[in-house]
Amino acid sequence: MSGSKTIVPKNEHFLFIFRQFGHTYRYSQRRKGMKMLNGIHMTNEILEALLKVIDEGIHVIDMRGITIFYNEIAASHDGMEPAEVIGRHVLESFPSLDKDTSTLLQVIKSGKPIYNKSQTYLNLHARTIDTVNTTLPIHIDGKLAGAVEVAK
């Protein structure tokens, strides 16, 4: 994965995210927005449900730095509610970070992944958070579209 560019077709955000976490499944066909993974029709809703229950914090931003996905594990770890983060700029939710210290913003700026980086920051409620993050770029149709972060 290091140094390679991952290209994700439109409307396959959650499939891409799911595959990036080491769960490599082949999908054999697409039918009207549905994916086939090992014989199971995988919709974005099913994949989103899987990402919500995975036991690692998952945070996804678009190219503007706006959070588009933030699971309950990430919220619990960060001492936040998903509603305090989703739809907001990452620096609004985590004000002690800046464009140079946020691993999510670093990845959308550089387009390069960051692996196992320790990070300490304050949440919106001034609580100190310590994490180890892996942050990956998301490419859609060959164009950088955002970043996904897995936090431990």
C-alpha atoms as a PDB file:
ATOM      1  CA  MET A   1       0.000   0.000   0.000  1.00  0.00           C
ATOM      2  CA  SER A   2       2.893   2.352   0.685  1.00  0.00           C
ATOM      3  CA  GLY A   3       3.533   4.667  -2.240  1.00  0.00           C
ATOM      4  CA  SER A   4       0.706   3.302  -4.324  1.00  0.00           C
ATOM      5  CA  LYS A   5      -2.303   5.320  -5.365  1.00  0.00           C
ATOM      6  CA  THR A   6      -5.674   3.836  -4.546  1.00  0.00           C
ATOM      7  CA  ILE A   7      -8.430   4.718  -6.985  1.00  0.00           C
ATOM      8  CA  VAL A   8     -12.030   4.359  -5.864  1.00  0.00           C
ATOM      9  CA  PRO A   9     -14.949   4.645  -8.296  1.00  0.00           C
ATOM     10  CA  LYS A  10     -17.719   7.059  -7.354  1.00  0.00           C
ATOM     11  CA  ASN A  11     -20.255   5.831  -4.776  1.00  0.00           C
ATOM     12  CA  GLU A  12     -17.868   3.233  -3.377  1.00  0.00           C
ATOM     13  CA  HIS A  13     -16.557   5.246  -0.403  1.00  0.00           C
ATOM     14  CA  PHE A  14     -17.562   2.749   2.261  1.00  0.00           C
ATOM     15  CA  LEU A  15     -16.406  -0.223   0.200  1.00  0.00           C
ATOM     16  CA  PHE A  16     -13.019   1.445  -0.130  1.00  0.00           C
ATOM     17  CA  ILE A  17     -12.825   2.226   3.578  1.00  0.00           C
ATOM     18  CA  PHE A  18     -13.816  -1.325   4.499  1.00  0.00           C
ATOM     19  CA  ARG A  19     -11.154  -2.781   2.214  1.00  0.00           C
ATOM     20  CA  GLN A  20      -8.453  -0.449   3.548  1.00  0.00           C
ATOM     21  CA  PHE A  21      -8.694  -1.854   7.072  1.00  0.00           C
ATOM     22  CA  GLY A  22      -7.122  -5.132   6.070  1.00  0.00           C
ATOM     23  CA  HIS A  23     -10.419  -6.769   5.211  1.00  0.00           C
ATOM     24  CA  THR A  24      -9.616  -7.565   1.594  1.00  0.00           C
ATOM     25  CA  TYR A  25     -12.574  -9.113  -0.141  1.00  0.00           C
ATOM     26  CA  ARG A  26     -13.089  -9.453  -3.827  1.00  0.00           C
ATOM     27  CA  TYR A  27     -16.238  -8.125  -5.308  1.00  0.00           C
ATOM     28  CA  SER A  28     -17.345  -9.706  -8.506  1.00  0.00           C
ATOM     29  CA  GLN A  29     -20.026  -7.432  -9.848  1.00  0.00           C
ATOM     30  CA  ARG A  30     -22.023  -4.237  -9.419  1.00  0.00           C
ATOM     31  CA  ARG A  31     -25.787  -4.040  -9.782  1.00  0.00           C
ATOM     32  CA  LYS A  32     -27.586  -0.720  -9.595  1.00  0.00           C
ATOM     33  CA  GLY A  33     -25.347   0.702  -6.867  1.00  0.00           C
ATOM     34  CA  MET A  34     -24.878  -2.617  -5.047  1.00  0.00           C
ATOM     35  CA  LYS A  35     -21.590  -4.449  -4.727  1.00  0.00           C
ATOM     36  CA  MET A  36     -21.105  -8.175  -4.501  1.00  0.00           C
ATOM     37  CA  LEU A  37     -18.690  -9.285  -1.758  1.00  0.00           C
ATOM     38  CA  ASN A  38     -18.282 -13.026  -1.373  1.00  0.00           C
ATOM     39  CA  GLY A  39     -21.841 -13.545  -2.579  1.00  0.00           C
ATOM     40  CA  ILE A  40     -23.406 -10.866  -0.354  1.00  0.00           C
ATOM     41  CA  HIS A  41     -24.885  -7.708  -1.861  1.00  0.00           C
ATOM     42  CA  MET A  42     -23.002  -4.909  -0.116  1.00  0.00           C
ATOM     43  CA  THR A  43     -24.778  -1.585  -0.122  1.00  0.00           C
ATOM     44  CA  ASN A  44     -23.301   1.586   1.307  1.00  0.00           C
ATOM     45  CA  GLU A  45     -25.732   1.150   4.208  1.00  0.00           C
ATOM     46  CA  ILE A  46     -24.390  -2.311   5.047  1.00  0.00           C
ATOM     47  CA  LEU A  47     -20.808  -1.132   4.807  1.00  0.00           C
ATOM     48  CA  GLU A  48     -21.590   1.919   6.938  1.00  0.00           C
ATOM     49  CA  ALA A  49     -23.151  -0.379   9.546  1.00  0.00           C
ATOM     50  CA  LEU A  50     -19.991  -2.510   9.549  1.00  0.00           C
ATOM     51  CA  LEU A  51     -17.818   0.565  10.023  1.00  0.00           C
ATOM     52  CA  LYS A  52     -19.974   1.684  12.926  1.00  0.00           C
ATOM     53  CA  VAL A  53     -19.361  -1.538  14.852  1.00  0.00           C
ATOM     54  CA  ILE A  54     -15.693  -2.140  14.064  1.00  0.00           C
ATOM     55  CA  ASP A  55     -13.642  -1.850  17.258  1.00  0.00           C
ATOM     56  CA  GLU A  56     -11.386   0.967  16.048  1.00  0.00           C
ATOM     57  CA  GLY A  57     -12.100   4.662  15.752  1.00  0.00           C
ATOM     58  CA  ILE A  58     -12.807   5.688  12.166  1.00  0.00           C
ATOM     59  CA  HIS A  59     -12.859   9.315  11.023  1.00  0.00           C
ATOM     60  CA  VAL A  60     -13.358  10.342   7.375  1.00  0.00           C
ATOM     61  CA  ILE A  61     -13.048  13.852   5.955  1.00  0.00           C
ATOM     62  CA  ASP A  62     -13.595  15.310   2.508  1.00  0.00           C
ATOM     63  CA  MET A  63     -11.172  17.635   0.708  1.00  0.00           C
ATOM     64  CA  ARG A  64     -12.499  20.651   2.576  1.00  0.00           C
ATOM     65  CA  GLY A  65     -11.644  19.025   5.918  1.00  0.00           C
ATOM     66  CA  ILE A  66     -15.315  18.426   6.738  1.00  0.00           C
ATOM     67  CA  THR A  67     -16.074  15.214   8.637  1.00  0.00           C
ATOM     68  CA  ILE A  68     -18.340  12.933   6.607  1.00  0.00           C
ATOM     69  CA  PHE A  69     -18.077   9.814   8.799  1.00  0.00           C
ATOM     70  CA  TYR A  70     -17.182   9.374  12.467  1.00  0.00           C
ATOM     71  CA  ASN A  71     -18.031   6.139  14.244  1.00  0.00           C
ATOM     72  CA  GLU A  72     -19.099   5.596  17.861  1.00  0.00           C
ATOM     73  CA  ILE A  73     -15.706   4.127  18.840  1.00  0.00           C
ATOM     74  CA  ALA A  74     -13.940   7.289  17.657  1.00  0.00           C
ATOM     75  CA  ALA A  75     -16.526   9.418  19.479  1.00  0.00           C
ATOM     76  CA  SER A  76     -16.132   7.447  22.696  1.00  0.00           C
ATOM     77  CA  HIS A  77     -12.349   7.595  22.546  1.00  0.00           C
ATOM     78  CA  ASP A  78     -12.393  11.322  21.802  1.00  0.00           C
ATOM     79  CA  GLY A  79     -14.966  12.105  24.501  1.00  0.00           C
ATOM     80  CA  MET A  80     -17.338  13.533  21.894  1.00  0.00           C
ATOM     81  CA  GLU A  81     -20.718  12.789  20.355  1.00  0.00           C
ATOM     82  CA  PRO A  82     -20.774  12.019  16.614  1.00  0.00           C
ATOM     83  CA  ALA A  83     -23.121  15.003  16.118  1.00  0.00           C
ATOM     84  CA  GLU A  84     -20.387  17.293  17.489  1.00  0.00           C
ATOM     85  CA  VAL A  85     -18.015  16.171  14.736  1.00  0.00           C
ATOM     86  CA  ILE A  86     -19.979  15.092  11.634  1.00  0.00           C
ATOM     87  CA  GLY A  87     -20.545  17.985   9.252  1.00  0.00           C
ATOM     88  CA  ARG A  88     -17.906  20.159  10.935  1.00  0.00           C
ATOM     89  CA  HIS A  89     -14.369  21.011   9.949  1.00  0.00           C
ATOM     90  CA  VAL A  90     -11.857  18.826  11.783  1.00  0.00           C
ATOM     91  CA  LEU A  91     -10.208  21.898  13.360  1.00  0.00           C
ATOM     92  CA  GLU A  92     -13.548  23.091  14.706  1.00  0.00           C
ATOM     93  CA  SER A  93     -14.048  19.805  16.559  1.00  0.00           C
ATOM     94  CA  PHE A  94     -10.421  19.517  17.647  1.00  0.00           C
ATOM     95  CA  PRO A  95      -9.275  23.113  18.190  1.00  0.00           C
ATOM     96  CA  SER A  96      -5.785  22.316  19.495  1.00  0.00           C
ATOM     97  CA  LEU A  97      -4.847  20.907  16.078  1.00  0.00           C
ATOM     98  CA  ASP A  98      -3.891  22.985  13.063  1.00  0.00           C
ATOM     99  CA  LYS A  99      -3.302  22.266   9.384  1.00  0.00           C
ATOM    100  CA  ASP A 100       0.225  21.078  10.157  1.00  0.00           C
ATOM    101  CA  THR A 101      -0.536  18.883  13.190  1.00  0.00           C
ATOM    102  CA  SER A 102      -3.754  17.192  12.021  1.00  0.00           C
ATOM    103  CA  THR A 103      -2.879  13.894  10.359  1.00  0.00           C
ATOM    104  CA  LEU A 104      -6.148  14.003   8.399  1.00  0.00           C
ATOM    105  CA  LEU A 105      -5.337  17.441   6.974  1.00  0.00           C
ATOM    106  CA  GLN A 106      -1.721  16.427   6.288  1.00  0.00           C
ATOM    107  CA  VAL A 107      -2.953  13.520   4.172  1.00  0.00           C
ATOM    108  CA  ILE A 108      -5.410  15.586   2.111  1.00  0.00           C
ATOM    109  CA  LYS A 109      -2.634  18.123   1.541  1.00  0.00           C
ATOM    110  CA  SER A 110       0.055  15.603   0.551  1.00  0.00           C
ATOM    111  CA  GLY A 111      -2.007  12.697  -0.776  1.00  0.00           C
ATOM    112  CA  LYS A 112       0.382  10.367   1.065  1.00  0.00           C
ATOM    113  CA  PRO A 113      -0.538   7.908   3.833  1.00  0.00           C
ATOM    114  CA  ILE A 114       0.700   8.229   7.410  1.00  0.00           C
ATOM    115  CA  TYR A 115       1.129   5.008   9.372  1.00  0.00           C
ATOM    116  CA  ASN A 116       1.050   4.481  13.153  1.00  0.00           C
ATOM    117  CA  LYS A 117       1.582   8.097  14.161  1.00  0.00           C
ATOM    118  CA  SER A 118       1.164   9.038  17.834  1.00  0.00           C
ATOM    119  CA  GLN A 119      -0.938  12.134  18.278  1.00  0.00           C
ATOM    120  CA  THR A 120      -1.998  14.135  21.338  1.00  0.00           C
ATOM    121  CA  TYR A 121      -4.680  16.817  21.043  1.00  0.00           C
ATOM    122  CA  LEU A 122      -7.572  18.480  22.836  1.00  0.00           C
ATOM    123  CA  ASN A 123     -11.166  17.840  21.911  1.00  0.00           C
ATOM    124  CA  LEU A 124     -13.925  20.438  21.783  1.00  0.00           C
ATOM    125  CA  HIS A 125     -14.365  20.076  25.565  1.00  0.00           C
ATOM    126  CA  ALA A 126     -10.650  20.668  26.311  1.00  0.00           C
ATOM    127  CA  ARG A 127     -10.080  16.989  27.184  1.00  0.00           C
ATOM    128  CA  THR A 128      -6.625  15.625  26.264  1.00  0.00           C
ATOM    129  CA  ILE A 129      -6.747  12.732  23.811  1.00  0.00           C
ATOM    130  CA  ASP A 130      -3.845  10.377  22.990  1.00  0.00           C
ATOM    131  CA  THR A 131      -4.067   8.167  19.900  1.00  0.00           C
ATOM    132  CA  VAL A 132      -2.027   6.169  17.440  1.00  0.00           C
ATOM    133  CA  ASN A 133      -3.398   6.850  13.956  1.00  0.00           C
ATOM    134  CA  THR A 134      -3.081   5.410  10.508  1.00  0.00           C
ATOM    135  CA  THR A 135      -4.383   7.903   7.967  1.00  0.00           C
ATOM    136  CA  LEU A 136      -4.931   7.057   4.305  1.00  0.00           C
ATOM    137  CA  PRO A 137      -5.874   9.151   1.271  1.00  0.00           C
ATOM    138  CA  ILE A 138      -9.104   8.358  -0.564  1.00  0.00           C
ATOM    139  CA  HIS A 139      -8.967   8.610  -4.356  1.00  0.00           C
ATOM    140  CA  ILE A 140     -12.152   8.571  -6.422  1.00  0.00           C
ATOM    141  CA  ASP A 141     -11.863   8.252 -10.185  1.00  0.00           C
ATOM    142  CA  GLY A 142      -8.152   9.031  -9.910  1.00  0.00           C
ATOM    143  CA  LYS A 143      -8.663  12.240  -7.931  1.00  0.00           C
ATOM    144  CA  LEU A 144      -7.878  12.786  -4.249  1.00  0.00           C
ATOM    145  CA  ALA A 145     -11.257  13.064  -2.517  1.00  0.00           C
ATOM    146  CA  GLY A 146     -10.493  12.962   1.205  1.00  0.00           C
ATOM    147  CA  ALA A 147      -8.847  10.939   3.944  1.00  0.00           C
ATOM    148  CA  VAL A 148      -9.772   8.139   6.337  1.00  0.00           C
ATOM    149  CA  GLU A 149      -8.165   7.709   9.724  1.00  0.00           C
ATOM    150  CA  VAL A 150      -8.109   4.633  11.942  1.00  0.00           C
ATOM    151  CA  ALA A 151      -7.355   5.511  15.558  1.00  0.00           C
ATOM    152  CA  LYS A 152      -6.302   3.198  18.364  1.00  0.00           C
END
